[in-house]
Amino acid sequence: MSQAVSTAPSTKTHAPSADAPTRTLWRAAGGFAIAHVIVMLAGIALAFESPLFQEGTEGIQKGYVEGNMARIMAGGMLETLAFVLLIPAFVFLARAVGRRTEVGQWAAQTALMAGMGYVAVTMAVGFPAGAAALYGAQNGLDVDTAFAINNIRIFGYFLSLSLLGAHAIGLAIAARQDGVMRRWVGWGGLVTGVVLLASVPAAAIGQQDWATLVWLVWWIGVAVSLLRHRPEAS
């Protein structure tokens, strides 16, 4: 009997620590978030020769046929790593922000699924298509075919912005509902998500990149918020 009574308090004291992330975990998530930005920018700097949609076959000729394949591939690998770094940040946010209310949990899990979809589309569609177009262009593939393959990468990017917007909005609703980082993650996420969703049809006139810049600024703010966050005392 005495052993049963003595073990009961230990069960109760361990439960809150499993539910409430420590400050170390908040900082680790912030580190993953900011590392994504740093590695992504480094990859873009290396792969700057990647042709844009509006450049047509001339962009394929200049960027892929005449470009430095080793440098572009290295940049692509860095960008791939950057998206891998997003995964733990997305998972942590879903668990830490939406855990107090049913609506918050629902919104946070929706955000997580959208974020994972964004990563999956980019890594399974965008990067392989771009690499195939580059490799083919430097090994005898005609520029028209390489342009068509590269367009898979570009249109995959366009459509993935809707998933990224859904992630921002879902996370924002969870933050507002559960009272965690309500201003930057909450209101800022709502604005960012709407901008990203609007950028999908705007891609038809080449006005999609500004939405990515808005998201980048917001995501840096999210990273800083994670690094500075102090969990409430239990």
C-alpha atoms as a PDB file:
ATOM      1  CA  MET A   1       0.000   0.000   0.000  1.00  0.00           C
ATOM      2  CA  SER A   2       2.772   2.449   0.899  1.00  0.00           C
ATOM      3  CA  GLN A   3       4.508   1.784  -2.408  1.00  0.00           C
ATOM      4  CA  ALA A   4       1.307   2.472  -4.347  1.00  0.00           C
ATOM      5  CA  VAL A   5       0.822   5.787  -2.549  1.00  0.00           C
ATOM      6  CA  SER A   6       4.431   6.858  -3.069  1.00  0.00           C
ATOM      7  CA  THR A   7       4.385   6.199  -6.812  1.00  0.00           C
ATOM      8  CA  ALA A   8       1.205   8.216  -7.484  1.00  0.00           C
ATOM      9  CA  PRO A   9       2.759  11.716  -7.095  1.00  0.00           C
ATOM     10  CA  SER A  10       5.612  10.885  -9.493  1.00  0.00           C
ATOM     11  CA  THR A  11       3.096  10.060 -12.227  1.00  0.00           C
ATOM     12  CA  LYS A  12       1.380  13.421 -11.800  1.00  0.00           C
ATOM     13  CA  THR A  13       4.586  15.434 -11.765  1.00  0.00           C
ATOM     14  CA  HIS A  14       5.897  13.893 -15.000  1.00  0.00           C
ATOM     15  CA  ALA A  15       2.779  14.591 -17.056  1.00  0.00           C
ATOM     16  CA  PRO A  16       3.120  18.399 -17.290  1.00  0.00           C
ATOM     17  CA  SER A  17       6.760  18.163 -18.386  1.00  0.00           C
ATOM     18  CA  ALA A  18       5.714  15.916 -21.277  1.00  0.00           C
ATOM     19  CA  ASP A  19       3.000  18.339 -22.363  1.00  0.00           C
ATOM     20  CA  ALA A  20       4.810  21.655 -21.898  1.00  0.00           C
ATOM     21  CA  PRO A  21       8.023  22.059 -23.944  1.00  0.00           C
ATOM     22  CA  THR A  22      11.009  23.392 -22.031  1.00  0.00           C
ATOM     23  CA  ARG A  23      12.779  26.586 -22.953  1.00  0.00           C
ATOM     24  CA  THR A  24      15.615  24.509 -24.404  1.00  0.00           C
ATOM     25  CA  LEU A  25      13.193  22.951 -26.884  1.00  0.00           C
ATOM     26  CA  TRP A  26      11.817  26.373 -27.818  1.00  0.00           C
ATOM     27  CA  ARG A  27      15.344  27.555 -28.523  1.00  0.00           C
ATOM     28  CA  ALA A  28      16.158  24.410 -30.497  1.00  0.00           C
ATOM     29  CA  ALA A  29      13.081  24.941 -32.682  1.00  0.00           C
ATOM     30  CA  GLY A  30      14.087  28.558 -33.212  1.00  0.00           C
ATOM     31  CA  GLY A  31      17.541  27.368 -34.221  1.00  0.00           C
ATOM     32  CA  PHE A  32      16.093  25.009 -36.828  1.00  0.00           C
ATOM     33  CA  ALA A  33      13.866  27.813 -38.151  1.00  0.00           C
ATOM     34  CA  ILE A  34      16.696  30.324 -38.531  1.00  0.00           C
ATOM     35  CA  ALA A  35      19.030  27.646 -39.921  1.00  0.00           C
ATOM     36  CA  HIS A  36      16.502  27.032 -42.692  1.00  0.00           C
ATOM     37  CA  VAL A  37      16.770  30.660 -43.770  1.00  0.00           C
ATOM     38  CA  ILE A  38      20.589  30.743 -43.654  1.00  0.00           C
ATOM     39  CA  VAL A  39      21.057  27.482 -45.556  1.00  0.00           C
ATOM     40  CA  MET A  40      18.341  28.368 -48.075  1.00  0.00           C
ATOM     41  CA  LEU A  41      19.918  31.732 -48.897  1.00  0.00           C
ATOM     42  CA  ALA A  42      23.313  30.072 -49.265  1.00  0.00           C
ATOM     43  CA  GLY A  43      21.824  27.526 -51.680  1.00  0.00           C
ATOM     44  CA  ILE A  44      20.079  30.215 -53.723  1.00  0.00           C
ATOM     45  CA  ALA A  45      23.341  32.167 -53.945  1.00  0.00           C
ATOM     46  CA  LEU A  46      25.097  29.135 -55.405  1.00  0.00           C
ATOM     47  CA  ALA A  47      22.294  28.162 -57.774  1.00  0.00           C
ATOM     48  CA  PHE A  48      21.515  31.683 -58.982  1.00  0.00           C
ATOM     49  CA  GLU A  49      21.855  30.550 -62.602  1.00  0.00           C
ATOM     50  CA  SER A  50      18.651  28.493 -62.424  1.00  0.00           C
ATOM     51  CA  PRO A  51      16.411  29.846 -65.217  1.00  0.00           C
ATOM     52  CA  LEU A  52      13.129  31.582 -64.535  1.00  0.00           C
ATOM     53  CA  PHE A  53       9.863  30.795 -66.287  1.00  0.00           C
ATOM     54  CA  GLN A  54       9.689  34.090 -68.174  1.00  0.00           C
ATOM     55  CA  GLU A  55      13.193  33.574 -69.619  1.00  0.00           C
ATOM     56  CA  GLY A  56      11.965  30.714 -71.814  1.00  0.00           C
ATOM     57  CA  THR A  57      14.427  28.544 -73.704  1.00  0.00           C
ATOM     58  CA  GLU A  58      16.993  31.348 -73.630  1.00  0.00           C
ATOM     59  CA  GLY A  59      17.152  30.945 -69.880  1.00  0.00           C
ATOM     60  CA  ILE A  60      17.722  27.208 -70.283  1.00  0.00           C
ATOM     61  CA  GLN A  61      20.556  27.856 -72.712  1.00  0.00           C
ATOM     62  CA  LYS A  62      22.235  30.437 -70.490  1.00  0.00           C
ATOM     63  CA  GLY A  63      21.518  28.932 -67.086  1.00  0.00           C
ATOM     64  CA  TYR A  64      21.653  25.185 -67.685  1.00  0.00           C
ATOM     65  CA  VAL A  65      23.552  24.505 -70.914  1.00  0.00           C
ATOM     66  CA  GLU A  66      26.233  27.119 -70.285  1.00  0.00           C
ATOM     67  CA  GLY A  67      25.977  27.128 -66.490  1.00  0.00           C
ATOM     68  CA  ASN A  68      28.261  25.500 -63.942  1.00  0.00           C
ATOM     69  CA  MET A  69      26.528  22.214 -63.133  1.00  0.00           C
ATOM     70  CA  ALA A  70      28.647  21.483 -60.047  1.00  0.00           C
ATOM     71  CA  ARG A  71      27.819  24.842 -58.493  1.00  0.00           C
ATOM     72  CA  ILE A  72      24.108  24.643 -59.323  1.00  0.00           C
ATOM     73  CA  MET A  73      23.894  21.098 -57.954  1.00  0.00           C
ATOM     74  CA  ALA A  74      25.699  22.167 -54.778  1.00  0.00           C
ATOM     75  CA  GLY A  75      23.209  24.984 -54.351  1.00  0.00           C
ATOM     76  CA  GLY A  76      20.345  22.569 -54.902  1.00  0.00           C
ATOM     77  CA  MET A  77      21.694  20.221 -52.235  1.00  0.00           C
ATOM     78  CA  LEU A  78      21.894  23.100 -49.766  1.00  0.00           C
ATOM     79  CA  GLU A  79      18.309  24.049 -50.572  1.00  0.00           C
ATOM     80  CA  THR A  80      17.295  20.429 -49.997  1.00  0.00           C
ATOM     81  CA  LEU A  81      18.969  20.486 -46.595  1.00  0.00           C
ATOM     82  CA  ALA A  82      17.161  23.739 -45.801  1.00  0.00           C
ATOM     83  CA  PHE A  83      13.805  22.048 -46.355  1.00  0.00           C
ATOM     84  CA  VAL A  84      14.819  19.127 -44.144  1.00  0.00           C
ATOM     85  CA  LEU A  85      15.527  21.674 -41.398  1.00  0.00           C
ATOM     86  CA  LEU A  86      11.953  22.942 -41.734  1.00  0.00           C
ATOM     87  CA  ILE A  87      10.489  19.603 -40.612  1.00  0.00           C
ATOM     88  CA  PRO A  88      11.444  19.713 -36.903  1.00  0.00           C
ATOM     89  CA  ALA A  89      10.434  23.379 -36.729  1.00  0.00           C
ATOM     90  CA  PHE A  90       6.999  22.622 -38.227  1.00  0.00           C
ATOM     91  CA  VAL A  91       6.469  19.657 -35.895  1.00  0.00           C
ATOM     92  CA  PHE A  92       7.460  21.627 -32.799  1.00  0.00           C
ATOM     93  CA  LEU A  93       5.183  24.542 -33.672  1.00  0.00           C
ATOM     94  CA  ALA A  94       2.240  22.185 -34.154  1.00  0.00           C
ATOM     95  CA  ARG A  95       2.817  20.616 -30.732  1.00  0.00           C
ATOM     96  CA  ALA A  96       3.733  23.752 -28.787  1.00  0.00           C
ATOM     97  CA  VAL A  97       1.317  26.343 -30.169  1.00  0.00           C
ATOM     98  CA  GLY A  98      -1.888  24.314 -30.501  1.00  0.00           C
ATOM     99  CA  ARG A  99      -2.152  22.229 -27.349  1.00  0.00           C
ATOM    100  CA  ARG A 100      -4.575  24.045 -25.043  1.00  0.00           C
ATOM    101  CA  THR A 101      -7.912  24.027 -26.856  1.00  0.00           C
ATOM    102  CA  GLU A 102      -9.626  21.735 -29.308  1.00  0.00           C
ATOM    103  CA  VAL A 103      -9.765  24.455 -31.969  1.00  0.00           C
ATOM    104  CA  GLY A 104      -6.098  25.239 -31.419  1.00  0.00           C
ATOM    105  CA  GLN A 105      -5.121  21.588 -31.782  1.00  0.00           C
ATOM    106  CA  TRP A 106      -7.192  21.232 -34.932  1.00  0.00           C
ATOM    107  CA  ALA A 107      -5.674  24.346 -36.509  1.00  0.00           C
ATOM    108  CA  ALA A 108      -2.137  23.370 -35.508  1.00  0.00           C
ATOM    109  CA  GLN A 109      -2.468  19.854 -36.932  1.00  0.00           C
ATOM    110  CA  THR A 110      -3.904  21.286 -40.141  1.00  0.00           C
ATOM    111  CA  ALA A 111      -0.918  23.626 -40.327  1.00  0.00           C
ATOM    112  CA  LEU A 112       1.450  20.706 -39.807  1.00  0.00           C
ATOM    113  CA  MET A 113      -0.124  18.672 -42.616  1.00  0.00           C
ATOM    114  CA  ALA A 114       0.017  21.665 -44.963  1.00  0.00           C
ATOM    115  CA  GLY A 115       3.638  22.337 -44.018  1.00  0.00           C
ATOM    116  CA  MET A 116       4.622  18.721 -44.611  1.00  0.00           C
ATOM    117  CA  GLY A 117       2.825  18.860 -47.964  1.00  0.00           C
ATOM    118  CA  TYR A 118       4.807  21.957 -48.886  1.00  0.00           C
ATOM    119  CA  VAL A 119       8.083  20.220 -48.070  1.00  0.00           C
ATOM    120  CA  ALA A 120       7.016  17.053 -49.908  1.00  0.00           C
ATOM    121  CA  VAL A 121       5.983  18.874 -53.089  1.00  0.00           C
ATOM    122  CA  THR A 122       9.207  20.841 -53.169  1.00  0.00           C
ATOM    123  CA  MET A 123      11.480  17.865 -52.547  1.00  0.00           C
ATOM    124  CA  ALA A 124       9.585  15.262 -54.588  1.00  0.00           C
ATOM    125  CA  VAL A 125       8.556  17.450 -57.535  1.00  0.00           C
ATOM    126  CA  GLY A 126      10.518  20.686 -57.698  1.00  0.00           C
ATOM    127  CA  PHE A 127      14.087  19.664 -56.966  1.00  0.00           C
ATOM    128  CA  PRO A 128      14.150  16.425 -59.010  1.00  0.00           C
ATOM    129  CA  ALA A 129      12.629  18.129 -62.063  1.00  0.00           C
ATOM    130  CA  GLY A 130      15.140  20.966 -61.894  1.00  0.00           C
ATOM    131  CA  ALA A 131      18.059  18.563 -61.505  1.00  0.00           C
ATOM    132  CA  ALA A 132      16.824  16.417 -64.416  1.00  0.00           C
ATOM    133  CA  ALA A 133      16.502  19.463 -66.672  1.00  0.00           C
ATOM    134  CA  LEU A 134      19.995  20.646 -65.732  1.00  0.00           C
ATOM    135  CA  TYR A 135      21.623  17.253 -66.232  1.00  0.00           C
ATOM    136  CA  GLY A 136      19.821  16.687 -69.526  1.00  0.00           C
ATOM    137  CA  ALA A 137      20.696  20.137 -70.861  1.00  0.00           C
ATOM    138  CA  GLN A 138      24.397  19.513 -70.245  1.00  0.00           C
ATOM    139  CA  ASN A 139      24.279  16.050 -71.807  1.00  0.00           C
ATOM    140  CA  GLY A 140      22.671  16.631 -75.199  1.00  0.00           C
ATOM    141  CA  LEU A 141      19.004  17.174 -74.336  1.00  0.00           C
ATOM    142  CA  ASP A 142      17.458  19.845 -76.550  1.00  0.00           C
ATOM    143  CA  VAL A 143      16.537  23.110 -74.843  1.00  0.00           C
ATOM    144  CA  ASP A 144      12.806  22.801 -75.613  1.00  0.00           C
ATOM    145  CA  THR A 145      12.572  19.501 -73.751  1.00  0.00           C
ATOM    146  CA  ALA A 146      14.725  20.801 -70.904  1.00  0.00           C
ATOM    147  CA  PHE A 147      12.455  23.856 -70.715  1.00  0.00           C
ATOM    148  CA  ALA A 148       9.386  21.620 -70.424  1.00  0.00           C
ATOM    149  CA  ILE A 149      10.960  19.551 -67.660  1.00  0.00           C
ATOM    150  CA  ASN A 150      12.115  22.649 -65.801  1.00  0.00           C
ATOM    151  CA  ASN A 151       8.560  24.017 -65.952  1.00  0.00           C
ATOM    152  CA  ILE A 152       7.486  21.109 -63.721  1.00  0.00           C
ATOM    153  CA  ARG A 153       9.820  22.538 -61.096  1.00  0.00           C
ATOM    154  CA  ILE A 154       8.474  26.035 -61.558  1.00  0.00           C
ATOM    155  CA  PHE A 155       4.770  25.149 -61.546  1.00  0.00           C
ATOM    156  CA  GLY A 156       5.326  22.847 -58.571  1.00  0.00           C
ATOM    157  CA  TYR A 157       6.726  25.871 -56.760  1.00  0.00           C
ATOM    158  CA  PHE A 158       3.748  28.006 -57.740  1.00  0.00           C
ATOM    159  CA  LEU A 159       1.229  25.492 -56.398  1.00  0.00           C
ATOM    160  CA  SER A 160       3.214  24.748 -53.250  1.00  0.00           C
ATOM    161  CA  LEU A 161       2.699  28.358 -52.147  1.00  0.00           C
ATOM    162  CA  SER A 162      -0.934  27.514 -51.381  1.00  0.00           C
ATOM    163  CA  LEU A 163       0.226  24.842 -48.920  1.00  0.00           C
ATOM    164  CA  LEU A 164       2.679  27.256 -47.338  1.00  0.00           C
ATOM    165  CA  GLY A 165      -0.139  29.791 -47.000  1.00  0.00           C
ATOM    166  CA  ALA A 166      -2.373  27.168 -45.369  1.00  0.00           C
ATOM    167  CA  HIS A 167       0.409  26.410 -42.889  1.00  0.00           C
ATOM    168  CA  ALA A 168       0.763  30.077 -41.932  1.00  0.00           C
ATOM    169  CA  ILE A 169      -2.987  30.551 -41.511  1.00  0.00           C
ATOM    170  CA  GLY A 170      -3.458  27.338 -39.525  1.00  0.00           C
ATOM    171  CA  LEU A 171      -0.590  28.236 -37.217  1.00  0.00           C
ATOM    172  CA  ALA A 172      -1.961  31.747 -36.826  1.00  0.00           C
ATOM    173  CA  ILE A 173      -5.411  30.474 -35.808  1.00  0.00           C
ATOM    174  CA  ALA A 174      -3.826  28.123 -33.273  1.00  0.00           C
ATOM    175  CA  ALA A 175      -1.712  30.945 -31.837  1.00  0.00           C
ATOM    176  CA  ARG A 176      -4.698  33.285 -31.542  1.00  0.00           C
ATOM    177  CA  GLN A 177      -6.948  30.594 -30.095  1.00  0.00           C
ATOM    178  CA  ASP A 178      -4.479  29.320 -27.502  1.00  0.00           C
ATOM    179  CA  GLY A 179      -2.879  32.670 -26.630  1.00  0.00           C
ATOM    180  CA  VAL A 180       0.689  31.754 -27.628  1.00  0.00           C
ATOM    181  CA  MET A 181       2.686  34.428 -29.512  1.00  0.00           C
ATOM    182  CA  ARG A 182      -0.597  36.027 -30.553  1.00  0.00           C
ATOM    183  CA  ARG A 183       0.810  39.071 -32.325  1.00  0.00           C
ATOM    184  CA  TRP A 184       3.623  37.971 -34.633  1.00  0.00           C
ATOM    185  CA  VAL A 185       2.668  34.320 -35.137  1.00  0.00           C
ATOM    186  CA  GLY A 186      -1.058  35.092 -34.840  1.00  0.00           C
ATOM    187  CA  TRP A 187      -1.844  38.275 -36.735  1.00  0.00           C
ATOM    188  CA  GLY A 188       1.375  38.138 -38.736  1.00  0.00           C
ATOM    189  CA  GLY A 189       0.644  34.567 -39.800  1.00  0.00           C
ATOM    190  CA  LEU A 190      -2.854  35.468 -40.982  1.00  0.00           C
ATOM    191  CA  VAL A 191      -1.546  38.300 -43.160  1.00  0.00           C
ATOM    192  CA  THR A 192       1.294  36.180 -44.510  1.00  0.00           C
ATOM    193  CA  GLY A 193      -1.015  33.263 -45.285  1.00  0.00           C
ATOM    194  CA  VAL A 194      -3.460  35.442 -47.204  1.00  0.00           C
ATOM    195  CA  VAL A 195      -0.604  36.969 -49.209  1.00  0.00           C
ATOM    196  CA  LEU A 196       0.709  33.503 -50.094  1.00  0.00           C
ATOM    197  CA  LEU A 197      -2.711  32.255 -51.193  1.00  0.00           C
ATOM    198  CA  ALA A 198      -3.166  35.363 -53.331  1.00  0.00           C
ATOM    199  CA  SER A 199       0.239  34.795 -54.944  1.00  0.00           C
ATOM    200  CA  VAL A 200      -0.871  31.502 -56.545  1.00  0.00           C
ATOM    201  CA  PRO A 201      -3.143  33.125 -59.175  1.00  0.00           C
ATOM    202  CA  ALA A 202      -0.751  36.097 -59.294  1.00  0.00           C
ATOM    203  CA  ALA A 203       1.906  33.719 -60.641  1.00  0.00           C
ATOM    204  CA  ALA A 204       0.128  33.982 -64.001  1.00  0.00           C
ATOM    205  CA  ILE A 205       1.510  37.522 -64.317  1.00  0.00           C
ATOM    206  CA  GLY A 206       4.848  36.768 -62.665  1.00  0.00           C
ATOM    207  CA  GLN A 207       3.996  38.343 -59.304  1.00  0.00           C
ATOM    208  CA  GLN A 208       4.612  35.418 -56.955  1.00  0.00           C
ATOM    209  CA  ASP A 209       8.103  36.058 -55.600  1.00  0.00           C
ATOM    210  CA  TRP A 210       7.102  39.016 -53.435  1.00  0.00           C
ATOM    211  CA  ALA A 211       4.868  36.652 -51.425  1.00  0.00           C
ATOM    212  CA  THR A 212       7.868  34.442 -50.714  1.00  0.00           C
ATOM    213  CA  LEU A 213       9.732  37.491 -49.440  1.00  0.00           C
ATOM    214  CA  VAL A 214       6.819  38.324 -47.128  1.00  0.00           C
ATOM    215  CA  TRP A 215       6.883  34.751 -45.808  1.00  0.00           C
ATOM    216  CA  LEU A 216      10.663  34.914 -45.333  1.00  0.00           C
ATOM    217  CA  VAL A 217      10.405  38.050 -43.195  1.00  0.00           C
ATOM    218  CA  TRP A 218       7.565  36.515 -41.180  1.00  0.00           C
ATOM    219  CA  TRP A 219       9.435  33.230 -40.717  1.00  0.00           C
ATOM    220  CA  ILE A 220      12.531  35.040 -39.420  1.00  0.00           C
ATOM    221  CA  GLY A 221      10.235  36.741 -36.920  1.00  0.00           C
ATOM    222  CA  VAL A 222       8.806  33.353 -35.934  1.00  0.00           C
ATOM    223  CA  ALA A 223      12.341  32.046 -35.381  1.00  0.00           C
ATOM    224  CA  VAL A 224      13.196  35.022 -33.182  1.00  0.00           C
ATOM    225  CA  SER A 225       9.948  34.559 -31.230  1.00  0.00           C
ATOM    226  CA  LEU A 226      10.838  30.919 -30.612  1.00  0.00           C
ATOM    227  CA  LEU A 227      14.328  31.822 -29.424  1.00  0.00           C
ATOM    228  CA  ARG A 228      13.017  34.492 -27.043  1.00  0.00           C
ATOM    229  CA  HIS A 229       9.941  32.652 -25.796  1.00  0.00           C
ATOM    230  CA  ARG A 230       9.721  31.903 -22.072  1.00  0.00           C
ATOM    231  CA  PRO A 231       7.317  29.051 -21.273  1.00  0.00           C
ATOM    232  CA  GLU A 232       4.819  29.786 -18.540  1.00  0.00           C
ATOM    233  CA  ALA A 233       5.535  28.234 -15.187  1.00  0.00           C
ATOM    234  CA  SER A 234       3.481  25.095 -14.564  1.00  0.00           C
END
